[in-house]
Amino acid sequence: METQSPYKTTKPPKADSSKGYLDTVVRSRINPYYQDDRATIYCGDNVSILKSIAQDSVDLTVTSPPYDNLRDYKGYSWDFERVATEICRVTKPGGVIVWVVGDATVNGSETLSSFKQAIYFVENCGMNLHDTMVYRKKNPLPVNKKTKRYAQSFEYVFVYSNGSPKTFNPIMKKCEHFGTGTSGKFRNKDGTLEGGGRKINETKIVDNVWEYDVGNYRSTSDLIAFDHPAIFPEQLAKDHILSWSNERDTVLDPFCGSGTTLKMAKRLGRRAIGIDISEEYCKISKMRITQCELF
């Protein structure tokens, strides 16, 4: 029997496009920790706050949730299934969710939590797994040979979409051999070769393994951000926000932590909504977004 998507059955009021973007949240129910004309931070339980956001009102979510107890996050916990369901409910048709996550190794075996979450988004929330990307750290921490493992240098970036993405602004790079020859042939399903003879374009879309330097003055120059135990690079957030949204779109981070997604969304002319249960982390986010400027 076909499973119906939970986010399609719960229908709070639709967002009124004639109002400002902050009115997609019922502000009479939840007071923001901070807000300006382009960013809002809510301090509290993310499920409760997400429930007050109108259905189909968010263009893009870029977030990295806590996973596998690799950090204690002040002792806070969260309910993956309820959070996932609410994120999917508020995502517009054509909207995108960027989910940065990894797996712990327990008793010599990886937990596979990231893949279990990916399956839930698809099978229980009705989302498409649009792309499985890799965020690779150029300078990972060294590993002890006694662990009998190679150094862990990447995290998964699952890109989910509510139907076909309405926005794709691909990051391009130069082709190394532009204008010097022709492209190779293509392998058919039956193994035969055909084609070839096309000129090599000047540029092409980058691949789905993105590399970044991490650590002090690499992930960000905002030293206050490192008071949070697990930040991701500003450039990672920037690249995804540019790829999957346009100016004035609404960008959500329900685990906003140090505020990286909010800062980059604001700088890029998007409208940012962040949620975190820790007032300490909300304070860090506020400091970062109040000091940022538009690109």
C-alpha atoms as a PDB file:
ATOM      1  CA  MET A   1       0.000   0.000   0.000  1.00  0.00           C
ATOM      2  CA  GLU A   2       1.319   3.422  -0.936  1.00  0.00           C
ATOM      3  CA  THR A   3       2.495   5.575   1.975  1.00  0.00           C
ATOM      4  CA  GLN A   4       1.078   9.083   1.990  1.00  0.00           C
ATOM      5  CA  SER A   5       3.539  11.866   2.763  1.00  0.00           C
ATOM      6  CA  PRO A   6       2.938  13.309   6.253  1.00  0.00           C
ATOM      7  CA  TYR A   7       3.798  16.838   5.138  1.00  0.00           C
ATOM      8  CA  LYS A   8       0.956  16.728   2.600  1.00  0.00           C
ATOM      9  CA  THR A   9      -1.679  15.905   5.191  1.00  0.00           C
ATOM     10  CA  THR A  10      -1.028  18.685   7.724  1.00  0.00           C
ATOM     11  CA  LYS A  11      -2.152  22.036   6.345  1.00  0.00           C
ATOM     12  CA  PRO A  12      -1.622  25.169   8.410  1.00  0.00           C
ATOM     13  CA  PRO A  13      -2.612  28.403   6.627  1.00  0.00           C
ATOM     14  CA  LYS A  14      -0.815  29.142   3.399  1.00  0.00           C
ATOM     15  CA  ALA A  15       1.733  31.946   3.401  1.00  0.00           C
ATOM     16  CA  ASP A  16       0.261  35.258   2.247  1.00  0.00           C
ATOM     17  CA  SER A  17       2.563  36.537  -0.492  1.00  0.00           C
ATOM     18  CA  SER A  18       1.195  40.051  -0.034  1.00  0.00           C
ATOM     19  CA  LYS A  19       2.811  40.235   3.403  1.00  0.00           C
ATOM     20  CA  GLY A  20       6.465  40.431   4.356  1.00  0.00           C
ATOM     21  CA  TYR A  21       8.400  37.188   4.615  1.00  0.00           C
ATOM     22  CA  LEU A  22       8.406  37.381   8.424  1.00  0.00           C
ATOM     23  CA  ASP A  23       4.641  36.885   8.294  1.00  0.00           C
ATOM     24  CA  THR A  24       5.178  33.309   7.070  1.00  0.00           C
ATOM     25  CA  VAL A  25       5.701  32.674  10.794  1.00  0.00           C
ATOM     26  CA  VAL A  26       2.799  33.338  13.175  1.00  0.00           C
ATOM     27  CA  ARG A  27       4.641  35.910  15.234  1.00  0.00           C
ATOM     28  CA  SER A  28       1.799  36.275  17.718  1.00  0.00           C
ATOM     29  CA  ARG A  29       2.549  32.740  18.887  1.00  0.00           C
ATOM     30  CA  ILE A  30       6.350  32.851  18.976  1.00  0.00           C
ATOM     31  CA  ASN A  31       8.450  35.929  19.619  1.00  0.00           C
ATOM     32  CA  PRO A  32      11.749  35.999  17.717  1.00  0.00           C
ATOM     33  CA  TYR A  33      15.032  36.114  19.596  1.00  0.00           C
ATOM     34  CA  TYR A  34      16.235  38.579  16.963  1.00  0.00           C
ATOM     35  CA  GLN A  35      14.979  39.970  13.671  1.00  0.00           C
ATOM     36  CA  ASP A  36      15.827  42.570  11.075  1.00  0.00           C
ATOM     37  CA  ASP A  37      14.593  43.163   7.546  1.00  0.00           C
ATOM     38  CA  ARG A  38      16.422  40.101   6.170  1.00  0.00           C
ATOM     39  CA  ALA A  39      16.954  37.652   9.025  1.00  0.00           C
ATOM     40  CA  THR A  40      15.061  36.185  11.968  1.00  0.00           C
ATOM     41  CA  ILE A  41      16.315  33.930  14.756  1.00  0.00           C
ATOM     42  CA  TYR A  42      13.984  31.881  16.960  1.00  0.00           C
ATOM     43  CA  CYS A  43      15.262  30.383  20.201  1.00  0.00           C
ATOM     44  CA  GLY A  44      13.416  27.232  21.206  1.00  0.00           C
ATOM     45  CA  ASP A  45      12.379  23.731  20.206  1.00  0.00           C
ATOM     46  CA  ASN A  46      12.635  23.511  16.434  1.00  0.00           C
ATOM     47  CA  VAL A  47       9.611  21.235  15.962  1.00  0.00           C
ATOM     48  CA  SER A  48       7.329  23.622  17.862  1.00  0.00           C
ATOM     49  CA  ILE A  49       8.619  26.612  15.906  1.00  0.00           C
ATOM     50  CA  LEU A  50       8.503  24.811  12.558  1.00  0.00           C
ATOM     51  CA  LYS A  51       4.831  23.983  13.204  1.00  0.00           C
ATOM     52  CA  SER A  52       4.072  27.717  13.236  1.00  0.00           C
ATOM     53  CA  ILE A  53       5.603  28.229   9.785  1.00  0.00           C
ATOM     54  CA  ALA A  54       3.083  28.116   6.970  1.00  0.00           C
ATOM     55  CA  GLN A  55       3.064  25.186   4.580  1.00  0.00           C
ATOM     56  CA  ASP A  56       4.922  25.705   1.285  1.00  0.00           C
ATOM     57  CA  SER A  57       6.656  28.891   2.452  1.00  0.00           C
ATOM     58  CA  VAL A  58      10.384  28.017   2.379  1.00  0.00           C
ATOM     59  CA  ASP A  59      12.447  27.951  -0.812  1.00  0.00           C
ATOM     60  CA  LEU A  60      15.601  26.357   0.565  1.00  0.00           C
ATOM     61  CA  THR A  61      16.826  24.704   3.747  1.00  0.00           C
ATOM     62  CA  VAL A  62      20.581  24.460   4.346  1.00  0.00           C
ATOM     63  CA  THR A  63      21.424  22.734   7.607  1.00  0.00           C
ATOM     64  CA  SER A  64      23.724  20.317   9.394  1.00  0.00           C
ATOM     65  CA  PRO A  65      21.889  18.542  12.218  1.00  0.00           C
ATOM     66  CA  PRO A  66      23.587  16.903  15.193  1.00  0.00           C
ATOM     67  CA  TYR A  67      24.308  13.294  14.378  1.00  0.00           C
ATOM     68  CA  ASP A  68      25.250  10.146  16.289  1.00  0.00           C
ATOM     69  CA  ASN A  69      26.144  11.961  19.529  1.00  0.00           C
ATOM     70  CA  LEU A  70      29.536  13.061  18.172  1.00  0.00           C
ATOM     71  CA  ARG A  71      29.004  16.311  20.118  1.00  0.00           C
ATOM     72  CA  ASP A  72      26.923  16.798  23.268  1.00  0.00           C
ATOM     73  CA  TYR A  73      25.470  20.213  22.242  1.00  0.00           C
ATOM     74  CA  LYS A  74      24.876  21.270  25.849  1.00  0.00           C
ATOM     75  CA  GLY A  75      22.860  18.102  26.455  1.00  0.00           C
ATOM     76  CA  TYR A  76      20.062  18.978  24.024  1.00  0.00           C
ATOM     77  CA  SER A  77      18.453  16.254  21.922  1.00  0.00           C
ATOM     78  CA  TRP A  78      16.142  16.256  18.907  1.00  0.00           C
ATOM     79  CA  ASP A  79      13.540  14.094  17.176  1.00  0.00           C
ATOM     80  CA  PHE A  80      14.696  13.402  13.613  1.00  0.00           C
ATOM     81  CA  GLU A  81      11.394  12.138  12.224  1.00  0.00           C
ATOM     82  CA  ARG A  82       9.325  15.055  13.525  1.00  0.00           C
ATOM     83  CA  VAL A  83      11.891  17.606  12.351  1.00  0.00           C
ATOM     84  CA  ALA A  84      12.170  16.007   8.897  1.00  0.00           C
ATOM     85  CA  THR A  85       8.392  15.910   8.494  1.00  0.00           C
ATOM     86  CA  GLU A  86       8.027  19.584   9.409  1.00  0.00           C
ATOM     87  CA  ILE A  87      10.874  20.709   7.136  1.00  0.00           C
ATOM     88  CA  CYS A  88       9.277  18.890   4.222  1.00  0.00           C
ATOM     89  CA  ARG A  89       5.866  20.396   5.003  1.00  0.00           C
ATOM     90  CA  VAL A  90       7.149  23.975   4.868  1.00  0.00           C
ATOM     91  CA  THR A  91       9.199  23.391   1.692  1.00  0.00           C
ATOM     92  CA  LYS A  92       7.622  24.903  -1.414  1.00  0.00           C
ATOM     93  CA  PRO A  93       6.971  22.784  -4.510  1.00  0.00           C
ATOM     94  CA  GLY A  94      10.272  22.938  -6.327  1.00  0.00           C
ATOM     95  CA  GLY A  95      12.064  23.809  -3.082  1.00  0.00           C
ATOM     96  CA  VAL A  96      15.277  22.140  -1.944  1.00  0.00           C
ATOM     97  CA  ILE A  97      16.662  20.781   1.342  1.00  0.00           C
ATOM     98  CA  VAL A  98      20.453  20.548   1.742  1.00  0.00           C
ATOM     99  CA  TRP A  99      21.211  18.100   4.577  1.00  0.00           C
ATOM    100  CA  VAL A 100      24.883  17.925   5.651  1.00  0.00           C
ATOM    101  CA  VAL A 101      25.475  14.840   7.777  1.00  0.00           C
ATOM    102  CA  GLY A 102      27.937  12.068   8.591  1.00  0.00           C
ATOM    103  CA  ASP A 103      28.169   8.813  10.523  1.00  0.00           C
ATOM    104  CA  ALA A 104      29.909   7.841  13.709  1.00  0.00           C
ATOM    105  CA  THR A 105      31.910   4.629  13.993  1.00  0.00           C
ATOM    106  CA  VAL A 106      30.746   2.421  16.853  1.00  0.00           C
ATOM    107  CA  ASN A 107      32.535  -0.835  17.706  1.00  0.00           C
ATOM    108  CA  GLY A 108      34.343  -0.745  14.385  1.00  0.00           C
ATOM    109  CA  SER A 109      31.250  -0.206  12.227  1.00  0.00           C
ATOM    110  CA  GLU A 110      29.754   2.968  10.781  1.00  0.00           C
ATOM    111  CA  THR A 111      26.202   3.616  11.990  1.00  0.00           C
ATOM    112  CA  LEU A 112      24.630   4.353   8.561  1.00  0.00           C
ATOM    113  CA  SER A 113      22.457   7.007  10.231  1.00  0.00           C
ATOM    114  CA  SER A 114      22.924   9.303   7.233  1.00  0.00           C
ATOM    115  CA  PHE A 115      21.476   6.734   4.837  1.00  0.00           C
ATOM    116  CA  LYS A 116      18.616   5.862   7.163  1.00  0.00           C
ATOM    117  CA  GLN A 117      17.718   9.548   7.224  1.00  0.00           C
ATOM    118  CA  ALA A 118      17.938   9.753   3.432  1.00  0.00           C
ATOM    119  CA  ILE A 119      15.530   6.827   3.092  1.00  0.00           C
ATOM    120  CA  TYR A 120      13.101   8.468   5.535  1.00  0.00           C
ATOM    121  CA  PHE A 121      13.020  11.725   3.573  1.00  0.00           C
ATOM    122  CA  VAL A 122      12.192   9.804   0.403  1.00  0.00           C
ATOM    123  CA  GLU A 123       9.894   7.035   1.605  1.00  0.00           C
ATOM    124  CA  ASN A 124       8.071   8.834   4.438  1.00  0.00           C
ATOM    125  CA  CYS A 125       8.126  12.474   3.373  1.00  0.00           C
ATOM    126  CA  GLY A 126       7.771  12.087  -0.377  1.00  0.00           C
ATOM    127  CA  MET A 127      10.920  14.028  -1.248  1.00  0.00           C
ATOM    128  CA  ASN A 128      13.210  13.274  -4.164  1.00  0.00           C
ATOM    129  CA  LEU A 129      16.840  12.495  -3.413  1.00  0.00           C
ATOM    130  CA  HIS A 130      17.995  14.901  -6.081  1.00  0.00           C
ATOM    131  CA  ASP A 131      21.735  14.452  -5.507  1.00  0.00           C
ATOM    132  CA  THR A 132      24.106  12.744  -3.099  1.00  0.00           C
ATOM    133  CA  MET A 133      27.053  15.080  -2.785  1.00  0.00           C
ATOM    134  CA  VAL A 134      30.277  14.976  -0.798  1.00  0.00           C
ATOM    135  CA  TYR A 135      31.762  17.792   1.292  1.00  0.00           C
ATOM    136  CA  ARG A 136      35.453  16.963   1.522  1.00  0.00           C
ATOM    137  CA  LYS A 137      37.793  18.631   3.995  1.00  0.00           C
ATOM    138  CA  LYS A 138      41.153  19.458   2.454  1.00  0.00           C
ATOM    139  CA  ASN A 139      42.853  19.364   5.835  1.00  0.00           C
ATOM    140  CA  PRO A 140      41.199  16.604   7.916  1.00  0.00           C
ATOM    141  CA  LEU A 141      42.401  15.702  11.374  1.00  0.00           C
ATOM    142  CA  PRO A 142      45.155  13.049  11.444  1.00  0.00           C
ATOM    143  CA  VAL A 143      44.232   9.542  12.488  1.00  0.00           C
ATOM    144  CA  ASN A 144      46.076   7.069  14.720  1.00  0.00           C
ATOM    145  CA  LYS A 145      47.172   3.876  12.948  1.00  0.00           C
ATOM    146  CA  LYS A 146      45.785   1.880  15.867  1.00  0.00           C
ATOM    147  CA  THR A 147      42.264   2.687  14.672  1.00  0.00           C
ATOM    148  CA  LYS A 148      42.941   0.626  11.516  1.00  0.00           C
ATOM    149  CA  ARG A 149      41.056   3.185   9.432  1.00  0.00           C
ATOM    150  CA  TYR A 150      41.952   5.858   6.933  1.00  0.00           C
ATOM    151  CA  ALA A 151      41.469   9.475   7.956  1.00  0.00           C
ATOM    152  CA  GLN A 152      37.837  10.557   7.799  1.00  0.00           C
ATOM    153  CA  SER A 153      37.841  13.524   5.420  1.00  0.00           C
ATOM    154  CA  PHE A 154      34.273  13.974   4.194  1.00  0.00           C
ATOM    155  CA  GLU A 155      30.599  14.302   5.071  1.00  0.00           C
ATOM    156  CA  TYR A 156      27.571  13.522   2.951  1.00  0.00           C
ATOM    157  CA  VAL A 157      25.463  16.344   1.546  1.00  0.00           C
ATOM    158  CA  PHE A 158      22.033  14.999   0.627  1.00  0.00           C
ATOM    159  CA  VAL A 159      20.124  17.342  -1.660  1.00  0.00           C
ATOM    160  CA  TYR A 160      16.385  16.642  -1.456  1.00  0.00           C
ATOM    161  CA  SER A 161      13.787  18.358  -3.639  1.00  0.00           C
ATOM    162  CA  ASN A 162      10.018  18.718  -3.475  1.00  0.00           C
ATOM    163  CA  GLY A 163       9.476  17.653  -7.060  1.00  0.00           C
ATOM    164  CA  SER A 164      11.871  19.026  -9.635  1.00  0.00           C
ATOM    165  CA  PRO A 165      13.988  21.921  -8.285  1.00  0.00           C
ATOM    166  CA  LYS A 166      12.585  25.229  -9.500  1.00  0.00           C
ATOM    167  CA  THR A 167      16.004  26.893  -9.274  1.00  0.00           C
ATOM    168  CA  PHE A 168      19.415  25.700 -10.367  1.00  0.00           C
ATOM    169  CA  ASN A 169      22.195  28.217 -10.809  1.00  0.00           C
ATOM    170  CA  PRO A 170      25.116  25.877 -11.483  1.00  0.00           C
ATOM    171  CA  ILE A 171      28.646  26.668 -10.418  1.00  0.00           C
ATOM    172  CA  MET A 172      30.832  26.553 -13.504  1.00  0.00           C
ATOM    173  CA  LYS A 173      34.534  26.026 -14.101  1.00  0.00           C
ATOM    174  CA  LYS A 174      36.816  26.323 -17.103  1.00  0.00           C
ATOM    175  CA  CYS A 175      37.516  23.272 -19.220  1.00  0.00           C
ATOM    176  CA  GLU A 176      41.228  22.507 -19.305  1.00  0.00           C
ATOM    177  CA  HIS A 177      41.404  21.769 -23.030  1.00  0.00           C
ATOM    178  CA  PHE A 178      38.888  24.251 -24.403  1.00  0.00           C
ATOM    179  CA  GLY A 179      39.241  24.704 -28.159  1.00  0.00           C
ATOM    180  CA  THR A 180      42.101  22.205 -28.541  1.00  0.00           C
ATOM    181  CA  GLY A 181      40.237  19.136 -29.646  1.00  0.00           C
ATOM    182  CA  THR A 182      37.001  17.195 -29.575  1.00  0.00           C
ATOM    183  CA  SER A 183      35.171  15.328 -26.882  1.00  0.00           C
ATOM    184  CA  GLY A 184      35.373  11.582 -26.513  1.00  0.00           C
ATOM    185  CA  LYS A 185      32.771   9.072 -27.499  1.00  0.00           C
ATOM    186  CA  PHE A 186      29.928   7.857 -25.287  1.00  0.00           C
ATOM    187  CA  ARG A 187      29.401   4.311 -24.089  1.00  0.00           C
ATOM    188  CA  ASN A 188      25.900   2.943 -24.789  1.00  0.00           C
ATOM    189  CA  LYS A 189      24.041   0.580 -22.507  1.00  0.00           C
ATOM    190  CA  ASP A 190      24.992  -2.372 -24.711  1.00  0.00           C
ATOM    191  CA  GLY A 191      28.671  -1.426 -24.475  1.00  0.00           C
ATOM    192  CA  THR A 192      29.067   0.021 -27.962  1.00  0.00           C
ATOM    193  CA  LEU A 193      30.648   3.430 -28.563  1.00  0.00           C
ATOM    194  CA  GLU A 194      29.207   6.291 -30.562  1.00  0.00           C
ATOM    195  CA  GLY A 195      29.398  10.049 -30.923  1.00  0.00           C
ATOM    196  CA  GLY A 196      32.469  12.153 -30.531  1.00  0.00           C
ATOM    197  CA  GLY A 197      33.487  15.056 -32.671  1.00  0.00           C
ATOM    198  CA  ARG A 198      31.962  17.765 -30.463  1.00  0.00           C
ATOM    199  CA  LYS A 199      34.016  20.807 -29.668  1.00  0.00           C
ATOM    200  CA  ILE A 200      35.073  21.126 -26.053  1.00  0.00           C
ATOM    201  CA  ASN A 201      33.111  23.906 -24.364  1.00  0.00           C
ATOM    202  CA  GLU A 202      34.882  26.728 -22.591  1.00  0.00           C
ATOM    203  CA  THR A 203      33.150  25.971 -19.269  1.00  0.00           C
ATOM    204  CA  LYS A 204      31.360  23.081 -17.619  1.00  0.00           C
ATOM    205  CA  ILE A 205      29.344  22.418 -14.467  1.00  0.00           C
ATOM    206  CA  VAL A 206      31.483  21.395 -11.499  1.00  0.00           C
ATOM    207  CA  ASP A 207      31.169  17.880 -10.116  1.00  0.00           C
ATOM    208  CA  ASN A 208      29.355  16.968  -6.902  1.00  0.00           C
ATOM    209  CA  VAL A 209      32.425  16.561  -4.667  1.00  0.00           C
ATOM    210  CA  TRP A 210      33.161  19.970  -3.132  1.00  0.00           C
ATOM    211  CA  GLU A 211      36.393  20.589  -1.221  1.00  0.00           C
ATOM    212  CA  TYR A 212      36.971  23.228   1.446  1.00  0.00           C
ATOM    213  CA  ASP A 213      39.646  24.196   3.930  1.00  0.00           C
ATOM    214  CA  VAL A 214      38.361  23.984   7.494  1.00  0.00           C
ATOM    215  CA  GLY A 215      39.473  25.334  10.862  1.00  0.00           C
ATOM    216  CA  ASN A 216      40.406  28.769  12.197  1.00  0.00           C
ATOM    217  CA  TYR A 217      40.445  31.487   9.531  1.00  0.00           C
ATOM    218  CA  ARG A 218      39.469  28.850   6.954  1.00  0.00           C
ATOM    219  CA  SER A 219      35.850  27.914   7.683  1.00  0.00           C
ATOM    220  CA  THR A 220      35.259  31.570   8.632  1.00  0.00           C
ATOM    221  CA  SER A 221      37.182  34.572   9.874  1.00  0.00           C
ATOM    222  CA  ASP A 222      34.572  35.060  12.636  1.00  0.00           C
ATOM    223  CA  LEU A 223      36.398  33.641  15.641  1.00  0.00           C
ATOM    224  CA  ILE A 224      33.211  33.828  17.740  1.00  0.00           C
ATOM    225  CA  ALA A 225      31.796  31.065  15.502  1.00  0.00           C
ATOM    226  CA  PHE A 226      34.276  28.566  16.964  1.00  0.00           C
ATOM    227  CA  ASP A 227      32.507  28.804  20.312  1.00  0.00           C
ATOM    228  CA  HIS A 228      30.127  26.377  18.622  1.00  0.00           C
ATOM    229  CA  PRO A 229      31.495  22.800  18.527  1.00  0.00           C
ATOM    230  CA  ALA A 230      30.642  21.926  14.921  1.00  0.00           C
ATOM    231  CA  ILE A 231      30.573  24.627  12.267  1.00  0.00           C
ATOM    232  CA  PHE A 232      30.731  24.121   8.531  1.00  0.00           C
ATOM    233  CA  PRO A 233      32.501  26.444   6.049  1.00  0.00           C
ATOM    234  CA  GLU A 234      30.837  29.664   4.977  1.00  0.00           C
ATOM    235  CA  GLN A 235      31.762  28.847   1.386  1.00  0.00           C
ATOM    236  CA  LEU A 236      29.804  25.576   1.583  1.00  0.00           C
ATOM    237  CA  ALA A 237      26.677  27.454   2.655  1.00  0.00           C
ATOM    238  CA  LYS A 238      27.290  30.159   0.049  1.00  0.00           C
ATOM    239  CA  ASP A 239      27.691  27.663  -2.801  1.00  0.00           C
ATOM    240  CA  HIS A 240      24.446  25.864  -1.980  1.00  0.00           C
ATOM    241  CA  ILE A 241      22.469  29.070  -1.438  1.00  0.00           C
ATOM    242  CA  LEU A 242      23.638  30.389  -4.807  1.00  0.00           C
ATOM    243  CA  SER A 243      22.898  27.049  -6.492  1.00  0.00           C
ATOM    244  CA  TRP A 244      19.347  26.432  -5.261  1.00  0.00           C
ATOM    245  CA  SER A 245      17.813  29.854  -4.564  1.00  0.00           C
ATOM    246  CA  ASN A 246      17.459  33.382  -5.906  1.00  0.00           C
ATOM    247  CA  GLU A 247      17.529  36.799  -4.299  1.00  0.00           C
ATOM    248  CA  ARG A 248      14.617  37.440  -1.920  1.00  0.00           C
ATOM    249  CA  ASP A 249      13.946  33.697  -1.534  1.00  0.00           C
ATOM    250  CA  THR A 250      13.447  32.374   1.994  1.00  0.00           C
ATOM    251  CA  VAL A 251      16.269  30.224   3.386  1.00  0.00           C
ATOM    252  CA  LEU A 252      15.773  28.153   6.557  1.00  0.00           C
ATOM    253  CA  ASP A 253      18.202  26.571   9.007  1.00  0.00           C
ATOM    254  CA  PRO A 254      16.358  24.722  11.810  1.00  0.00           C
ATOM    255  CA  PHE A 255      19.692  23.928  13.537  1.00  0.00           C
ATOM    256  CA  CYS A 256      21.256  27.334  12.972  1.00  0.00           C
ATOM    257  CA  GLY A 257      24.009  26.908  15.598  1.00  0.00           C
ATOM    258  CA  SER A 258      26.682  29.518  14.940  1.00  0.00           C
ATOM    259  CA  GLY A 259      24.593  31.152  12.195  1.00  0.00           C
ATOM    260  CA  THR A 260      26.651  30.293   9.107  1.00  0.00           C
ATOM    261  CA  THR A 261      23.641  29.670   6.852  1.00  0.00           C
ATOM    262  CA  LEU A 262      21.879  32.790   8.140  1.00  0.00           C
ATOM    263  CA  LYS A 263      24.921  34.989   7.598  1.00  0.00           C
ATOM    264  CA  MET A 264      25.508  33.819   4.048  1.00  0.00           C
ATOM    265  CA  ALA A 265      21.811  33.956   3.125  1.00  0.00           C
ATOM    266  CA  LYS A 266      21.606  37.540   4.352  1.00  0.00           C
ATOM    267  CA  ARG A 267      24.798  38.551   2.533  1.00  0.00           C
ATOM    268  CA  LEU A 268      23.446  37.052  -0.679  1.00  0.00           C
ATOM    269  CA  GLY A 269      20.182  38.989  -0.522  1.00  0.00           C
ATOM    270  CA  ARG A 270      18.012  36.104   0.670  1.00  0.00           C
ATOM    271  CA  ARG A 271      15.643  36.144   3.646  1.00  0.00           C
ATOM    272  CA  ALA A 272      16.864  33.923   6.444  1.00  0.00           C
ATOM    273  CA  ILE A 273      15.033  32.088   9.226  1.00  0.00           C
ATOM    274  CA  GLY A 274      17.089  30.285  11.866  1.00  0.00           C
ATOM    275  CA  ILE A 275      16.075  28.152  14.854  1.00  0.00           C
ATOM    276  CA  ASP A 276      18.202  26.893  17.712  1.00  0.00           C
ATOM    277  CA  ILE A 277      17.288  25.653  21.172  1.00  0.00           C
ATOM    278  CA  SER A 278      20.460  27.069  22.766  1.00  0.00           C
ATOM    279  CA  GLU A 279      20.354  30.756  23.708  1.00  0.00           C
ATOM    280  CA  GLU A 280      24.161  30.733  23.729  1.00  0.00           C
ATOM    281  CA  TYR A 281      24.239  29.670  20.083  1.00  0.00           C
ATOM    282  CA  CYS A 282      21.460  32.105  19.153  1.00  0.00           C
ATOM    283  CA  LYS A 283      23.628  34.861  20.604  1.00  0.00           C
ATOM    284  CA  ILE A 284      26.530  33.791  18.368  1.00  0.00           C
ATOM    285  CA  SER A 285      24.228  33.772  15.330  1.00  0.00           C
ATOM    286  CA  LYS A 286      22.944  37.222  16.183  1.00  0.00           C
ATOM    287  CA  MET A 287      26.458  38.618  16.484  1.00  0.00           C
ATOM    288  CA  ARG A 288      27.476  37.207  13.114  1.00  0.00           C
ATOM    289  CA  ILE A 289      24.442  38.324  11.113  1.00  0.00           C
ATOM    290  CA  THR A 290      24.369  41.819  12.597  1.00  0.00           C
ATOM    291  CA  GLN A 291      27.966  42.364  11.524  1.00  0.00           C
ATOM    292  CA  CYS A 292      27.728  40.981   7.982  1.00  0.00           C
ATOM    293  CA  GLU A 293      27.387  43.067   4.853  1.00  0.00           C
ATOM    294  CA  LEU A 294      25.909  42.327   1.439  1.00  0.00           C
ATOM    295  CA  PHE A 295      28.306  40.947  -1.154  1.00  0.00           C
END
